[in-house]
């Protein structure tokens, strides 16, 4: 048996084409009522119907990403109710998905959180990506990209200096002159 894993499809900046594939998108062949996805808190039948439809949707994850990234707090989106999405809204700014970082470094134009943008800068610096290319990838000026690389270089240097200073410290000794190694046992 062969298993094939297809690469994740992330929404490009400004891309709304995924909506045409959504189960909630009404068409002549799919006469779904969009109001089903905006039920009141006590409309359990509407909620159940919407969640069932979302469960069949081929673009459910793109829908959830769009709702979280766009701050959409009303209705059922991506197969989750607004109550289920609430904790995710709080965490979205801290999301760090390395697959999204790698997709950006490969030239894909996708939505990134601040944490993912910082990871792109660090990876770009370590891989020797030019300032011009970093600017294009992140849609920023070359001057801003250069500034980000300088900040990254300083952060790496400071981290290395801090680690060197930590390893150069003398081992602790007590009053009897007994030293302790890194495990806290008498040397």
N, C-alpha and C. Protein backbone atom coordinates (compact mmCIF):
# COMPACT_ATOMS: atom_id res chain seq x y z
N UNK A 1 0.84 -1.18 0.00
CA UNK A 1 0.00 0.00 0.00
C UNK A 1 0.89 1.24 0.00
N UNK A 2 0.61 2.17 -0.86
CA UNK A 2 1.37 3.41 -0.96
C UNK A 2 0.53 4.55 -0.41
N UNK A 3 1.15 5.33 0.45
CA UNK A 3 0.48 6.49 1.00
C UNK A 3 1.12 7.74 0.42
N UNK A 4 0.31 8.60 -0.09
CA UNK A 4 0.80 9.86 -0.64
C UNK A 4 0.27 11.00 0.21
N UNK A 5 1.16 11.85 0.61
CA UNK A 5 0.77 13.02 1.37
C UNK A 5 0.86 14.22 0.45
N UNK A 6 -0.25 14.88 0.25
CA UNK A 6 -0.24 16.06 -0.59
C UNK A 6 0.17 17.26 0.25
N UNK A 7 0.88 18.21 -0.32
CA UNK A 7 1.28 19.38 0.46
C UNK A 7 0.07 20.21 0.86
N UNK A 8 0.19 20.85 2.00
CA UNK A 8 -0.90 21.69 2.50
C UNK A 8 -1.13 22.84 1.53
N UNK A 9 -2.37 23.17 1.33
CA UNK A 9 -2.71 24.31 0.48
C UNK A 9 -3.09 25.46 1.38
N UNK A 10 -2.23 26.45 1.42
CA UNK A 10 -2.50 27.63 2.23
C UNK A 10 -3.07 28.71 1.33
N UNK A 11 -3.91 29.53 1.93
CA UNK A 11 -4.49 30.64 1.18
C UNK A 11 -3.41 31.64 0.84
N UNK A 12 -3.42 32.08 -0.38
CA UNK A 12 -2.53 33.17 -0.78
C UNK A 12 -3.12 34.47 -0.29
N UNK A 13 -2.30 35.48 -0.18
CA UNK A 13 -2.78 36.79 0.21
C UNK A 13 -3.85 37.25 -0.76
N UNK A 14 -4.99 37.63 -0.26
CA UNK A 14 -6.07 38.12 -1.09
C UNK A 14 -6.81 37.05 -1.88
N UNK A 15 -6.48 35.79 -1.66
CA UNK A 15 -7.12 34.70 -2.40
C UNK A 15 -8.45 34.33 -1.76
N UNK A 16 -9.50 34.42 -2.53
CA UNK A 16 -10.83 34.02 -2.07
C UNK A 16 -11.41 32.93 -2.96
N UNK A 17 -10.60 32.38 -3.85
CA UNK A 17 -11.09 31.36 -4.78
C UNK A 17 -11.52 30.10 -4.07
N UNK A 18 -10.98 29.84 -2.90
CA UNK A 18 -11.37 28.65 -2.14
C UNK A 18 -12.86 28.67 -1.81
N UNK A 19 -13.45 29.87 -1.70
CA UNK A 19 -14.85 29.99 -1.34
C UNK A 19 -15.78 29.34 -2.37
N UNK A 20 -15.34 29.31 -3.63
CA UNK A 20 -16.17 28.68 -4.67
C UNK A 20 -16.32 27.18 -4.44
N UNK A 21 -15.38 26.57 -3.73
CA UNK A 21 -15.42 25.14 -3.46
C UNK A 21 -16.13 24.81 -2.15
N UNK A 22 -16.50 25.83 -1.38
CA UNK A 22 -17.10 25.63 -0.07
C UNK A 22 -18.52 25.07 -0.18
N UNK A 23 -18.85 24.16 0.71
CA UNK A 23 -20.19 23.57 0.74
C UNK A 23 -21.24 24.64 1.05
N UNK A 24 -20.86 25.66 1.78
CA UNK A 24 -21.82 26.71 2.15
C UNK A 24 -22.07 27.71 1.02
N UNK A 25 -21.29 27.61 -0.04
CA UNK A 25 -21.43 28.54 -1.17
C UNK A 25 -22.64 28.12 -2.01
N UNK A 26 -23.70 28.94 -2.03
CA UNK A 26 -24.90 28.54 -2.78
C UNK A 26 -24.68 28.63 -4.29
N UNK A 27 -25.24 27.66 -4.96
CA UNK A 27 -25.20 27.66 -6.42
C UNK A 27 -26.49 27.01 -6.91
N UNK A 28 -26.64 26.94 -8.23
CA UNK A 28 -27.87 26.33 -8.76
C UNK A 28 -27.93 24.84 -8.42
N UNK A 29 -26.78 24.21 -8.24
CA UNK A 29 -26.74 22.78 -7.91
C UNK A 29 -26.63 22.54 -6.41
N UNK A 30 -26.37 23.58 -5.66
CA UNK A 30 -26.21 23.48 -4.21
C UNK A 30 -27.01 24.61 -3.57
N UNK A 31 -28.31 24.45 -3.44
CA UNK A 31 -29.15 25.53 -2.92
C UNK A 31 -29.14 25.62 -1.40
N UNK A 32 -27.98 25.86 -0.83
CA UNK A 32 -27.86 25.97 0.62
C UNK A 32 -28.17 27.40 1.06
N UNK A 33 -28.83 27.51 2.19
CA UNK A 33 -29.17 28.82 2.75
C UNK A 33 -28.02 29.30 3.63
N UNK A 34 -27.33 30.37 3.25
CA UNK A 34 -26.20 30.87 4.03
C UNK A 34 -26.56 31.24 5.47
N UNK A 35 -27.84 31.53 5.72
CA UNK A 35 -28.27 31.89 7.08
C UNK A 35 -28.12 30.73 8.06
N UNK A 36 -28.04 29.51 7.53
CA UNK A 36 -27.85 28.33 8.40
C UNK A 36 -26.54 28.47 9.18
N UNK A 37 -25.56 29.16 8.62
CA UNK A 37 -24.25 29.28 9.23
C UNK A 37 -24.16 30.45 10.22
N UNK A 38 -25.27 31.12 10.44
CA UNK A 38 -25.33 32.22 11.40
C UNK A 38 -26.52 32.02 12.33
N UNK A 39 -26.55 30.89 13.04
CA UNK A 39 -27.69 30.60 13.91
C UNK A 39 -27.63 31.40 15.21
N UNK A 40 -28.79 31.52 15.84
CA UNK A 40 -28.85 32.11 17.17
C UNK A 40 -28.31 31.09 18.18
N UNK A 41 -28.02 31.53 19.39
CA UNK A 41 -27.42 30.63 20.39
C UNK A 41 -28.28 29.41 20.74
N UNK A 42 -29.60 29.53 20.59
CA UNK A 42 -30.49 28.42 20.96
C UNK A 42 -31.03 27.66 19.75
N UNK A 43 -30.56 27.97 18.56
CA UNK A 43 -31.04 27.29 17.35
C UNK A 43 -30.20 26.05 17.08
N UNK A 44 -30.44 25.02 17.89
CA UNK A 44 -29.61 23.81 17.84
C UNK A 44 -29.73 23.06 16.52
N UNK A 45 -30.90 23.08 15.90
CA UNK A 45 -31.05 22.39 14.62
C UNK A 45 -30.20 23.06 13.54
N UNK A 46 -30.20 24.40 13.50
CA UNK A 46 -29.37 25.12 12.53
C UNK A 46 -27.90 24.85 12.79
N UNK A 47 -27.51 24.84 14.06
CA UNK A 47 -26.11 24.58 14.41
C UNK A 47 -25.71 23.18 13.95
N UNK A 48 -26.54 22.19 14.22
CA UNK A 48 -26.25 20.81 13.81
C UNK A 48 -26.16 20.69 12.30
N UNK A 49 -27.06 21.36 11.58
CA UNK A 49 -27.06 21.32 10.11
C UNK A 49 -25.78 21.95 9.58
N UNK A 50 -25.43 23.11 10.11
CA UNK A 50 -24.22 23.80 9.65
C UNK A 50 -22.97 22.97 9.92
N UNK A 51 -22.88 22.38 11.10
CA UNK A 51 -21.71 21.57 11.43
C UNK A 51 -21.62 20.32 10.56
N UNK A 52 -22.76 19.75 10.21
CA UNK A 52 -22.78 18.59 9.31
C UNK A 52 -22.28 18.99 7.93
N UNK A 53 -22.75 20.12 7.43
CA UNK A 53 -22.29 20.60 6.12
C UNK A 53 -20.79 20.91 6.15
N UNK A 54 -20.33 21.55 7.21
CA UNK A 54 -18.90 21.88 7.34
C UNK A 54 -18.05 20.60 7.37
N UNK A 55 -18.59 19.56 7.98
CA UNK A 55 -17.86 18.30 8.05
C UNK A 55 -17.59 17.69 6.69
N UNK A 56 -18.38 18.06 5.69
CA UNK A 56 -18.22 17.54 4.32
C UNK A 56 -17.43 18.48 3.42
N UNK A 57 -17.03 19.62 3.94
CA UNK A 57 -16.46 20.67 3.10
C UNK A 57 -14.98 20.42 2.79
N UNK A 58 -14.60 20.49 1.51
CA UNK A 58 -13.20 20.26 1.14
C UNK A 58 -12.26 21.42 1.49
N UNK A 59 -12.81 22.59 1.80
CA UNK A 59 -11.96 23.75 2.11
C UNK A 59 -12.18 24.23 3.55
N UNK A 60 -12.55 23.31 4.42
CA UNK A 60 -12.85 23.65 5.81
C UNK A 60 -11.67 24.33 6.50
N UNK A 61 -10.45 23.82 6.28
CA UNK A 61 -9.29 24.42 6.95
C UNK A 61 -8.98 25.82 6.42
N UNK A 62 -9.14 26.02 5.12
CA UNK A 62 -8.94 27.36 4.55
C UNK A 62 -9.96 28.32 5.13
N UNK A 63 -11.19 27.85 5.32
CA UNK A 63 -12.26 28.66 5.90
C UNK A 63 -11.93 29.03 7.34
N UNK A 64 -11.45 28.04 8.09
CA UNK A 64 -11.08 28.31 9.49
C UNK A 64 -9.93 29.31 9.56
N UNK A 65 -8.91 29.11 8.72
CA UNK A 65 -7.79 30.06 8.68
C UNK A 65 -8.28 31.47 8.36
N UNK A 66 -9.15 31.58 7.37
CA UNK A 66 -9.67 32.90 6.98
C UNK A 66 -10.44 33.54 8.12
N UNK A 67 -11.22 32.74 8.83
CA UNK A 67 -12.00 33.28 9.96
C UNK A 67 -11.07 33.75 11.08
N UNK A 68 -10.05 32.96 11.37
CA UNK A 68 -9.12 33.33 12.45
C UNK A 68 -8.26 34.52 12.06
N UNK A 69 -7.71 34.48 10.87
CA UNK A 69 -6.84 35.56 10.42
C UNK A 69 -7.60 36.86 10.21
N UNK A 70 -8.88 36.76 9.84
CA UNK A 70 -9.69 37.95 9.61
C UNK A 70 -10.44 38.42 10.85
N UNK A 71 -10.27 37.70 11.96
CA UNK A 71 -10.92 38.09 13.20
C UNK A 71 -12.43 37.88 13.19
N UNK A 72 -12.91 36.98 12.34
CA UNK A 72 -14.35 36.72 12.22
C UNK A 72 -14.82 35.96 13.46
N UNK A 73 -15.69 36.58 14.24
CA UNK A 73 -16.13 35.96 15.48
C UNK A 73 -17.58 35.48 15.42
N UNK A 74 -18.32 35.78 14.37
CA UNK A 74 -19.73 35.40 14.29
C UNK A 74 -19.94 34.23 13.35
N UNK A 75 -20.92 33.43 13.68
CA UNK A 75 -21.31 32.33 12.81
C UNK A 75 -20.43 31.11 12.95
N UNK A 76 -20.75 30.13 12.13
CA UNK A 76 -20.00 28.87 12.10
C UNK A 76 -19.07 28.94 10.91
N UNK A 77 -17.79 28.81 11.18
CA UNK A 77 -16.76 28.89 10.14
C UNK A 77 -15.75 27.78 10.36
N UNK A 78 -15.34 27.13 9.31
CA UNK A 78 -14.32 26.10 9.41
C UNK A 78 -14.74 24.92 10.27
N UNK A 79 -16.03 24.69 10.40
CA UNK A 79 -16.50 23.56 11.18
C UNK A 79 -16.54 23.81 12.67
N UNK A 80 -16.37 25.06 13.08
CA UNK A 80 -16.40 25.40 14.51
C UNK A 80 -17.39 26.52 14.77
N UNK A 81 -18.03 26.45 15.92
CA UNK A 81 -18.92 27.53 16.33
C UNK A 81 -18.08 28.70 16.83
N UNK A 82 -18.72 29.83 17.02
CA UNK A 82 -17.96 30.99 17.50
C UNK A 82 -17.38 30.74 18.88
N UNK A 83 -18.06 29.96 19.71
CA UNK A 83 -17.54 29.64 21.05
C UNK A 83 -16.32 28.74 20.94
N UNK A 84 -16.33 27.81 20.00
CA UNK A 84 -15.19 26.91 19.81
C UNK A 84 -13.99 27.64 19.21
N UNK A 85 -14.24 28.66 18.40
CA UNK A 85 -13.15 29.42 17.79
C UNK A 85 -12.54 30.44 18.73
N UNK A 86 -13.26 30.87 19.76
CA UNK A 86 -12.79 31.94 20.65
C UNK A 86 -11.38 31.70 21.18
N UNK A 87 -11.06 30.52 21.74
CA UNK A 87 -9.69 30.33 22.23
C UNK A 87 -8.65 30.34 21.10
N UNK A 88 -9.05 29.92 19.91
CA UNK A 88 -8.12 29.94 18.78
C UNK A 88 -7.82 31.37 18.34
N UNK A 89 -8.81 32.24 18.43
CA UNK A 89 -8.60 33.66 18.09
C UNK A 89 -7.51 34.26 18.98
N UNK A 90 -7.52 33.87 20.24
CA UNK A 90 -6.53 34.41 21.18
C UNK A 90 -5.12 33.91 20.85
N UNK A 91 -5.01 32.72 20.29
CA UNK A 91 -3.70 32.11 20.04
C UNK A 91 -3.17 32.34 18.63
N UNK A 92 -3.98 32.84 17.73
CA UNK A 92 -3.59 32.92 16.32
C UNK A 92 -2.32 33.75 16.11
N UNK A 93 -2.16 34.83 16.85
CA UNK A 93 -0.98 35.69 16.65
C UNK A 93 0.31 34.97 17.00
N UNK A 94 0.22 33.94 17.84
CA UNK A 94 1.41 33.21 18.27
C UNK A 94 1.64 31.93 17.45
N UNK A 95 0.76 31.66 16.49
CA UNK A 95 0.90 30.43 15.69
C UNK A 95 2.25 30.43 14.99
N UNK A 96 2.92 29.29 15.06
CA UNK A 96 4.19 29.12 14.37
C UNK A 96 4.17 27.77 13.68
N UNK A 97 3.81 27.79 12.42
CA UNK A 97 3.69 26.59 11.61
C UNK A 97 4.86 26.61 10.62
N UNK A 98 5.83 25.72 10.84
CA UNK A 98 7.02 25.72 9.99
C UNK A 98 6.72 25.34 8.56
N UNK A 99 5.63 24.62 8.33
CA UNK A 99 5.25 24.31 6.94
C UNK A 99 4.87 25.61 6.22
N UNK A 100 4.22 26.53 6.93
CA UNK A 100 3.87 27.82 6.34
C UNK A 100 5.13 28.65 6.10
N UNK A 101 6.08 28.58 7.02
CA UNK A 101 7.36 29.29 6.87
C UNK A 101 8.08 28.76 5.64
N UNK A 102 8.16 27.43 5.52
CA UNK A 102 8.85 26.83 4.36
C UNK A 102 8.13 27.16 3.06
N UNK A 103 6.81 27.18 3.09
CA UNK A 103 6.06 27.53 1.88
C UNK A 103 6.38 28.97 1.46
N UNK A 104 6.51 29.86 2.42
CA UNK A 104 6.85 31.25 2.11
C UNK A 104 8.26 31.33 1.54
N UNK A 105 9.21 30.61 2.15
CA UNK A 105 10.59 30.62 1.65
C UNK A 105 10.67 30.04 0.23
N UNK A 106 9.74 29.15 -0.10
CA UNK A 106 9.69 28.57 -1.44
C UNK A 106 9.02 29.51 -2.45
N UNK A 107 8.53 30.65 -1.96
CA UNK A 107 7.96 31.64 -2.87
C UNK A 107 6.45 31.74 -2.84
N UNK A 108 5.78 30.94 -1.99
CA UNK A 108 4.32 31.03 -1.89
C UNK A 108 3.96 32.31 -1.17
N UNK A 109 2.91 32.93 -1.58
CA UNK A 109 2.44 34.20 -1.05
C UNK A 109 1.29 33.93 -0.09
N UNK A 110 1.59 33.56 1.16
CA UNK A 110 0.55 33.15 2.10
C UNK A 110 0.50 34.07 3.31
N UNK A 111 -0.61 33.98 4.02
CA UNK A 111 -0.78 34.74 5.25
C UNK A 111 0.16 34.19 6.31
N UNK A 112 0.84 35.07 7.03
CA UNK A 112 1.75 34.66 8.11
C UNK A 112 1.41 35.42 9.37
N UNK A 113 1.58 34.75 10.50
CA UNK A 113 1.48 35.44 11.78
C UNK A 113 2.80 36.15 12.03
N UNK A 114 2.85 36.96 13.07
CA UNK A 114 4.11 37.64 13.40
C UNK A 114 5.20 36.65 13.75
N UNK A 115 4.85 35.58 14.47
CA UNK A 115 5.83 34.55 14.82
C UNK A 115 6.36 33.87 13.56
N UNK A 116 5.49 33.61 12.60
CA UNK A 116 5.93 32.98 11.35
C UNK A 116 6.79 33.94 10.53
N UNK A 117 6.47 35.22 10.56
CA UNK A 117 7.29 36.20 9.84
C UNK A 117 8.70 36.25 10.44
N UNK A 118 8.79 36.23 11.78
CA UNK A 118 10.11 36.22 12.42
C UNK A 118 10.89 34.96 12.05
N UNK A 119 10.19 33.83 11.95
CA UNK A 119 10.84 32.57 11.56
C UNK A 119 11.33 32.63 10.12
N UNK A 120 10.58 33.29 9.24
CA UNK A 120 11.02 33.45 7.85
C UNK A 120 12.31 34.28 7.82
N UNK A 121 12.36 35.34 8.61
CA UNK A 121 13.56 36.19 8.64
C UNK A 121 14.76 35.38 9.14
N UNK A 122 14.59 34.64 10.22
CA UNK A 122 15.69 33.85 10.77
C UNK A 122 16.14 32.78 9.78
N UNK A 123 15.20 32.07 9.20
CA UNK A 123 15.56 31.03 8.23
C UNK A 123 16.21 31.65 7.01
N UNK A 124 15.70 32.78 6.55
CA UNK A 124 16.28 33.46 5.40
C UNK A 124 17.70 33.91 5.68
N UNK A 125 17.94 34.42 6.87
CA UNK A 125 19.29 34.84 7.27
C UNK A 125 20.24 33.65 7.29
N UNK A 126 19.79 32.57 7.91
CA UNK A 126 20.64 31.37 8.01
C UNK A 126 20.89 30.72 6.66
N UNK A 127 19.93 30.81 5.75
CA UNK A 127 20.07 30.20 4.42
C UNK A 127 20.76 31.13 3.42
N UNK A 128 21.04 32.35 3.84
CA UNK A 128 21.73 33.29 2.96
C UNK A 128 20.83 33.88 1.88
N UNK A 129 19.54 33.95 2.15
CA UNK A 129 18.62 34.57 1.20
C UNK A 129 18.92 36.07 1.15
N UNK A 130 18.94 36.61 -0.03
CA UNK A 130 19.30 38.02 -0.19
C UNK A 130 18.25 38.94 0.44
N UNK A 131 18.68 40.14 0.75
CA UNK A 131 17.78 41.15 1.30
C UNK A 131 16.65 41.43 0.31
N UNK A 132 16.97 41.47 -0.97
CA UNK A 132 15.97 41.75 -1.99
C UNK A 132 14.89 40.66 -2.00
N UNK A 133 15.32 39.40 -1.92
CA UNK A 133 14.35 38.29 -1.94
C UNK A 133 13.51 38.29 -0.67
N UNK A 134 14.13 38.54 0.49
CA UNK A 134 13.37 38.60 1.74
C UNK A 134 12.32 39.70 1.65
N UNK A 135 12.70 40.83 1.10
CA UNK A 135 11.74 41.94 0.94
C UNK A 135 10.56 41.52 0.07
N UNK A 136 10.83 40.80 -1.02
CA UNK A 136 9.75 40.33 -1.89
C UNK A 136 8.87 39.31 -1.18
N UNK A 137 9.49 38.38 -0.44
CA UNK A 137 8.73 37.34 0.24
C UNK A 137 7.78 37.91 1.29
N UNK A 138 8.27 38.91 2.03
CA UNK A 138 7.47 39.47 3.12
C UNK A 138 6.70 40.73 2.71
N UNK A 139 6.85 41.14 1.47
CA UNK A 139 6.15 42.33 0.97
C UNK A 139 6.51 43.57 1.79
N UNK A 140 7.81 43.78 1.98
CA UNK A 140 8.32 44.93 2.72
C UNK A 140 9.40 45.60 1.87
N UNK A 141 9.85 46.76 2.32
CA UNK A 141 10.92 47.44 1.59
C UNK A 141 12.25 46.73 1.85
N UNK A 142 13.19 46.95 0.95
CA UNK A 142 14.52 46.38 1.13
C UNK A 142 15.19 46.95 2.38
N UNK A 143 14.92 48.22 2.67
CA UNK A 143 15.50 48.82 3.87
C UNK A 143 14.98 48.12 5.13
N UNK A 144 13.69 47.81 5.14
CA UNK A 144 13.11 47.11 6.28
C UNK A 144 13.68 45.69 6.39
N UNK A 145 13.84 45.03 5.25
CA UNK A 145 14.42 43.68 5.25
C UNK A 145 15.84 43.72 5.77
N UNK A 146 16.61 44.71 5.37
CA UNK A 146 17.98 44.85 5.86
C UNK A 146 17.99 45.08 7.36
N UNK A 147 17.08 45.90 7.85
CA UNK A 147 16.96 46.14 9.29
C UNK A 147 16.65 44.84 10.04
N UNK A 148 15.73 44.04 9.49
CA UNK A 148 15.38 42.76 10.12
C UNK A 148 16.58 41.82 10.15
N UNK A 149 17.35 41.79 9.08
CA UNK A 149 18.56 40.96 9.07
C UNK A 149 19.58 41.45 10.09
N UNK A 150 19.74 42.75 10.22
CA UNK A 150 20.67 43.29 11.23
C UNK A 150 20.23 42.91 12.64
N UNK A 151 18.94 43.04 12.92
CA UNK A 151 18.41 42.66 14.23
C UNK A 151 18.62 41.17 14.49
N UNK A 152 18.43 40.37 13.46
CA UNK A 152 18.62 38.92 13.59
C UNK A 152 20.08 38.61 13.86
N UNK A 153 20.99 39.24 13.12
CA UNK A 153 22.42 39.03 13.32
C UNK A 153 22.83 39.40 14.75
N UNK A 154 22.32 40.53 15.25
CA UNK A 154 22.62 40.93 16.64
C UNK A 154 22.07 39.94 17.64
N UNK A 155 20.85 39.48 17.42
CA UNK A 155 20.24 38.52 18.35
C UNK A 155 21.03 37.22 18.40
N UNK A 156 21.48 36.74 17.24
CA UNK A 156 22.28 35.51 17.19
C UNK A 156 23.61 35.75 17.90
N UNK A 157 24.26 36.86 17.62
CA UNK A 157 25.54 37.17 18.25
C UNK A 157 25.39 37.27 19.76
N UNK A 158 24.36 37.96 20.23
CA UNK A 158 24.15 38.11 21.68
C UNK A 158 23.85 36.77 22.34
N UNK A 159 23.10 35.92 21.68
CA UNK A 159 22.80 34.59 22.22
C UNK A 159 24.09 33.79 22.33
N UNK A 160 24.94 33.85 21.31
CA UNK A 160 26.21 33.12 21.33
C UNK A 160 27.13 33.66 22.42
N UNK A 161 27.17 34.99 22.58
CA UNK A 161 28.00 35.58 23.64
C UNK A 161 27.50 35.16 25.02
N UNK A 162 26.19 35.13 25.19
CA UNK A 162 25.60 34.73 26.46
C UNK A 162 25.94 33.27 26.77
N UNK A 163 25.87 32.41 25.76
CA UNK A 163 26.19 31.00 25.97
C UNK A 163 27.67 30.82 26.28
N UNK A 164 28.54 31.57 25.60
CA UNK A 164 29.98 31.49 25.85
C UNK A 164 30.29 31.94 27.27
N UNK A 165 29.66 33.03 27.71
CA UNK A 165 29.89 33.54 29.06
C UNK A 165 29.42 32.53 30.10
N UNK A 166 28.33 31.86 29.84
CA UNK A 166 27.80 30.88 30.78
C UNK A 166 28.73 29.68 30.92
N UNK A 167 29.30 29.21 29.80
CA UNK A 167 30.17 28.04 29.86
C UNK A 167 31.55 28.39 30.40
N UNK A 168 31.94 29.68 30.36
CA UNK A 168 33.26 30.08 30.85
C UNK A 168 33.29 30.32 32.35
N UNK A 169 32.16 30.34 33.01
CA UNK A 169 32.13 30.57 34.46
C UNK A 169 32.84 29.46 35.20
N UNK A 170 33.46 29.82 36.31
CA UNK A 170 34.14 28.83 37.14
C UNK A 170 33.11 28.01 37.89
N UNK A 171 33.41 26.76 38.15
CA UNK A 171 32.47 25.96 38.93
C UNK A 171 32.33 26.53 40.33
N UNK A 172 31.20 26.36 40.90
CA UNK A 172 30.91 26.85 42.24
C UNK A 172 31.70 26.03 43.26
N UNK A 173 32.23 26.69 44.25
CA UNK A 173 32.92 25.97 45.33
C UNK A 173 32.33 26.40 46.64
N UNK A 174 32.28 25.47 47.59
CA UNK A 174 31.75 25.82 48.91
C UNK A 174 32.89 26.20 49.84
N UNK A 175 32.60 26.40 51.11
CA UNK A 175 33.60 26.86 52.08
C UNK A 175 34.76 25.89 52.21
N UNK A 176 34.53 24.60 52.02
CA UNK A 176 35.58 23.60 52.17
C UNK A 176 36.41 23.45 50.91
N UNK A 177 36.09 24.23 49.88
CA UNK A 177 36.84 24.15 48.64
C UNK A 177 36.36 23.02 47.74
N UNK A 178 35.25 22.38 48.14
CA UNK A 178 34.71 21.32 47.30
C UNK A 178 33.92 21.96 46.16
N UNK A 179 34.23 21.56 44.97
CA UNK A 179 33.51 22.09 43.81
C UNK A 179 32.30 21.22 43.48
N UNK A 180 31.46 21.75 42.69
CA UNK A 180 30.30 20.98 42.23
C UNK A 180 30.30 21.00 40.70
N UNK A 181 30.09 19.82 40.14
CA UNK A 181 30.04 19.78 38.68
C UNK A 181 28.64 20.16 38.21
N UNK A 182 28.37 20.02 36.95
CA UNK A 182 27.10 20.45 36.37
C UNK A 182 25.91 19.70 36.93
N UNK A 183 26.18 18.54 37.58
CA UNK A 183 25.07 17.75 38.11
C UNK A 183 24.81 18.01 39.57
N UNK A 184 25.59 18.90 40.17
CA UNK A 184 25.36 19.27 41.57
C UNK A 184 25.97 18.29 42.54
N UNK A 185 26.86 17.42 42.09
CA UNK A 185 27.51 16.48 43.01
C UNK A 185 28.90 16.98 43.33
N UNK A 186 29.44 16.55 44.46
CA UNK A 186 30.78 17.00 44.85
C UNK A 186 31.80 16.48 43.84
N UNK A 187 32.71 17.36 43.45
CA UNK A 187 33.72 16.99 42.44
C UNK A 187 34.91 16.35 43.10
